[in-house]
């Protein structure tokens, strides 16, 4: 009876020990997946935060690249406008303007008022027509000179600007057109003003 009691006690203790070990093992087994899930969730959260931070950095970099361009504005706008103005002035110097028309008409009126009816034909022609034509040539020459100056300024502007920024080809082309028209208009104006071409007709 004593032996049986000891064996039963041993069996009972062993069973209880095994039960305790199984409980601890089961608890560890249950806790392990939870720990792995928690670590996985933390890793995913960190990856998400890293991606968001990277996206913010990329957005800031793009904003930083766009800001200087916005501050500087579109390059060559002023030079292009000046080139167009130069070409326009050159065309006006050759075709005429309302300024030249009004100035010539005024000079004709002044000549008529200042010339008596008893004056010679040559004098009347000069005062009424010659001075008016010379005034027209003078105004055209001023427009031509303005076109020439503006065009030259546009062409030499890159030499005084920021290095490494070449001038657009169309700006150069329009500026050269303005310079050419200015030179032609200036030559014609000087030639007419000095009666080299289209002089007064002979009254003899």
Protein backbone atom coordinates (compact mmCIF):
# COMPACT_ATOMS: atom_id res chain seq x y z
CA UNK A 1 0.00 0.00 0.00
CA UNK A 2 2.86 2.32 0.82
CA UNK A 3 4.47 1.73 -2.56
CA UNK A 4 1.30 2.41 -4.38
CA UNK A 5 0.81 5.60 -2.54
CA UNK A 6 4.27 6.81 -3.43
CA UNK A 7 3.77 5.84 -7.07
CA UNK A 8 0.47 7.60 -7.12
CA UNK A 9 2.07 10.64 -5.59
CA UNK A 10 4.89 10.53 -8.11
CA UNK A 11 2.39 10.09 -10.92
CA UNK A 12 0.34 12.91 -9.60
CA UNK A 13 3.35 15.18 -9.26
CA UNK A 14 4.61 14.19 -12.69
CA UNK A 15 1.22 14.78 -14.21
CA UNK A 16 0.98 18.14 -12.52
CA UNK A 17 4.52 19.03 -13.67
CA UNK A 18 3.69 18.00 -17.17
CA UNK A 19 0.51 19.95 -17.03
CA UNK A 20 2.40 23.01 -15.84
CA UNK A 21 5.00 22.61 -18.58
CA UNK A 22 2.31 22.20 -21.19
CA UNK A 23 0.54 25.31 -19.91
CA UNK A 24 3.76 27.34 -20.04
CA UNK A 25 4.59 26.01 -23.50
CA UNK A 26 1.08 26.78 -24.74
CA UNK A 27 1.31 30.28 -23.29
CA UNK A 28 4.63 30.88 -25.01
CA UNK A 29 3.24 29.47 -28.25
CA UNK A 30 0.24 31.76 -28.03
CA UNK A 31 2.39 34.78 -27.22
CA UNK A 32 4.89 34.17 -30.04
CA UNK A 33 2.49 34.84 -32.95
CA UNK A 34 1.21 37.94 -31.19
CA UNK A 35 4.76 39.21 -30.81
CA UNK A 36 5.53 38.43 -34.44
CA UNK A 37 2.33 40.22 -35.57
CA UNK A 38 3.20 43.21 -33.41
CA UNK A 39 6.76 43.35 -34.80
CA UNK A 40 5.43 43.02 -38.35
CA UNK A 41 2.94 45.81 -37.74
CA UNK A 42 5.66 48.04 -36.33
CA UNK A 43 7.88 47.34 -39.34
CA UNK A 44 5.07 48.14 -41.74
CA UNK A 45 4.29 51.33 -39.85
CA UNK A 46 7.95 52.34 -40.01
CA UNK A 47 8.04 51.61 -43.74
CA UNK A 48 4.90 53.69 -44.24
CA UNK A 49 6.39 56.59 -42.27
CA UNK A 50 9.63 56.33 -44.27
CA UNK A 51 7.67 56.41 -47.54
CA UNK A 52 5.70 59.44 -46.36
CA UNK A 53 8.90 61.20 -45.30
CA UNK A 54 10.48 60.42 -48.66
CA UNK A 55 7.41 61.75 -50.44
CA UNK A 56 7.56 64.95 -48.41
CA UNK A 57 11.25 65.35 -49.24
CA UNK A 58 10.58 64.83 -52.94
CA UNK A 59 7.76 67.38 -52.85
CA UNK A 60 9.99 69.90 -51.07
CA UNK A 61 12.76 69.27 -53.59
CA UNK A 62 10.38 69.88 -56.49
CA UNK A 63 9.08 73.05 -54.84
CA UNK A 64 12.64 74.19 -54.26
CA UNK A 65 13.45 73.66 -57.94
CA UNK A 66 10.36 75.52 -59.13
CA UNK A 67 10.75 78.49 -56.80
CA UNK A 68 13.86 79.99 -58.42
CA UNK A 69 12.29 79.76 -61.88
CA UNK A 70 9.16 81.49 -60.62
CA UNK A 71 11.24 84.20 -59.01
CA UNK A 72 13.39 84.71 -62.06
CA UNK A 73 10.49 84.69 -64.48
CA UNK A 74 10.72 83.64 -68.08
CA UNK A 75 14.17 84.57 -69.44
CA UNK A 76 14.49 86.68 -72.62
CA UNK A 77 11.05 88.33 -72.45
CA UNK A 78 12.47 91.86 -72.26
CA UNK A 79 15.03 91.24 -74.98
CA UNK A 80 12.40 89.73 -77.28
CA UNK A 81 10.06 92.68 -76.77
CA UNK A 82 12.88 95.14 -77.46
CA UNK A 83 13.81 93.26 -80.63
CA UNK A 84 10.22 93.46 -81.89
CA UNK A 85 10.13 97.18 -81.06
CA UNK A 86 13.35 97.69 -83.01
CA UNK A 87 11.93 95.96 -86.09
CA UNK A 88 8.69 97.94 -85.78
CA UNK A 89 10.55 101.25 -85.61
CA UNK A 90 12.55 100.26 -88.66
CA UNK A 91 9.37 99.57 -90.63
CA UNK A 92 7.85 102.90 -89.54
CA UNK A 93 10.98 104.77 -90.61
CA UNK A 94 10.52 103.44 -94.17
CA UNK A 95 6.74 103.57 -94.51
CA UNK A 96 6.06 106.78 -92.61
CA UNK A 97 4.00 107.65 -89.56
CA UNK A 98 1.27 110.05 -88.52
CA UNK A 99 3.93 112.08 -86.73
CA UNK A 100 5.75 112.67 -90.02
CA UNK A 101 2.47 113.43 -91.80
CA UNK A 102 1.40 116.02 -89.25
CA UNK A 103 4.87 117.59 -89.14
CA UNK A 104 5.00 117.86 -92.94
CA UNK A 105 1.51 119.37 -93.13
CA UNK A 106 2.40 121.91 -90.47
CA UNK A 107 5.57 122.86 -92.30
CA UNK A 108 3.56 123.33 -95.50
CA UNK A 109 1.14 125.62 -93.69
CA UNK A 110 3.98 127.63 -92.20
CA UNK A 111 5.56 127.98 -95.65
CA UNK A 112 2.30 129.21 -97.17
CA UNK A 113 1.79 131.77 -94.43
CA UNK A 114 5.38 132.99 -94.55
CA UNK A 115 5.69 133.31 -98.32
CA UNK A 116 4.17 136.23 -100.11
CA UNK A 117 2.44 135.89 -103.40
CA UNK A 118 5.09 138.03 -105.01
CA UNK A 119 7.94 135.68 -104.09
CA UNK A 120 9.76 133.79 -106.79
CA UNK A 121 8.58 130.37 -107.87
CA UNK A 122 11.73 128.72 -106.58
CA UNK A 123 11.20 130.24 -103.15
CA UNK A 124 7.56 129.25 -103.02
CA UNK A 125 8.38 125.68 -104.02
CA UNK A 126 11.07 125.46 -101.38
CA UNK A 127 8.97 126.94 -98.57
CA UNK A 128 5.79 125.04 -99.33
CA UNK A 129 7.12 121.67 -100.56
CA UNK A 130 10.84 121.40 -99.96
CA UNK A 131 10.72 122.11 -96.22
CA UNK A 132 7.78 119.73 -95.76
CA UNK A 133 9.66 116.91 -97.49
CA UNK A 134 12.76 117.62 -95.44
CA UNK A 135 10.66 117.45 -92.27
CA UNK A 136 9.25 114.09 -93.33
CA UNK A 137 12.78 112.80 -93.95
CA UNK A 138 13.91 114.11 -90.55
CA UNK A 139 11.14 112.34 -88.66
CA UNK A 140 11.80 109.13 -90.59
CA UNK A 141 15.49 109.41 -89.79
CA UNK A 142 14.71 109.75 -86.07
CA UNK A 143 12.63 106.56 -86.17
CA UNK A 144 15.42 104.80 -88.06
CA UNK A 145 17.99 105.93 -85.53
CA UNK A 146 15.82 104.70 -82.66
CA UNK A 147 15.41 101.31 -84.38
CA UNK A 148 19.17 101.07 -84.88
CA UNK A 149 19.98 101.91 -81.26
CA UNK A 150 17.39 99.52 -79.78
CA UNK A 151 18.50 96.68 -82.05
CA UNK A 152 22.17 97.13 -81.17
CA UNK A 153 21.34 97.20 -77.45
CA UNK A 154 19.45 93.92 -77.78
CA UNK A 155 22.34 92.27 -79.61
CA UNK A 156 24.99 93.35 -77.10
CA UNK A 157 22.82 92.69 -74.03
CA UNK A 158 24.03 89.07 -73.45
CA UNK A 159 27.61 90.34 -73.04
CA UNK A 160 26.51 92.23 -69.92
CA UNK A 161 24.14 89.58 -68.56
CA UNK A 162 24.61 86.31 -66.70
CA UNK A 163 27.26 84.07 -68.32
CA UNK A 164 26.26 80.75 -69.81
CA UNK A 165 22.81 81.89 -70.96
CA UNK A 166 22.82 82.19 -74.76
CA UNK A 167 20.34 84.49 -76.46
CA UNK A 168 17.44 82.88 -78.30
CA UNK A 169 17.87 82.61 -82.04
CA UNK A 170 14.58 84.35 -82.85
CA UNK A 171 15.55 87.33 -80.69
CA UNK A 172 18.80 87.70 -82.61
CA UNK A 173 16.99 87.42 -85.94
CA UNK A 174 14.38 90.07 -85.08
CA UNK A 175 17.05 92.37 -83.60
CA UNK A 176 19.17 92.07 -86.72
CA UNK A 177 16.09 92.84 -88.83
CA UNK A 178 15.51 95.98 -86.77
CA UNK A 179 19.14 97.02 -87.14
CA UNK A 180 19.06 96.46 -90.90
CA UNK A 181 15.82 98.40 -91.36
CA UNK A 182 17.20 101.18 -89.17
CA UNK A 183 20.35 101.47 -91.25
CA UNK A 184 18.38 101.54 -94.51
CA UNK A 185 15.91 104.08 -93.16
CA UNK A 186 18.68 106.28 -91.79
CA UNK A 187 20.57 106.28 -95.09
CA UNK A 188 17.44 107.13 -97.06
CA UNK A 189 16.49 109.88 -94.62
CA UNK A 190 19.91 111.52 -94.84
CA UNK A 191 19.89 111.23 -98.62
CA UNK A 192 16.47 112.87 -98.89
CA UNK A 193 17.20 115.58 -96.33
CA UNK A 194 20.32 116.59 -98.24
CA UNK A 195 18.45 116.39 -101.59
CA UNK A 196 20.76 113.63 -102.87
CA UNK A 197 17.66 111.71 -103.93
CA UNK A 198 14.21 113.09 -104.77
CA UNK A 199 15.41 116.68 -104.77
CA UNK A 200 13.31 119.70 -105.66
CA UNK A 201 12.51 120.06 -109.35
CA UNK A 202 14.15 122.84 -111.31
CA UNK A 203 12.04 125.99 -111.70
CA UNK A 204 14.11 127.65 -114.42
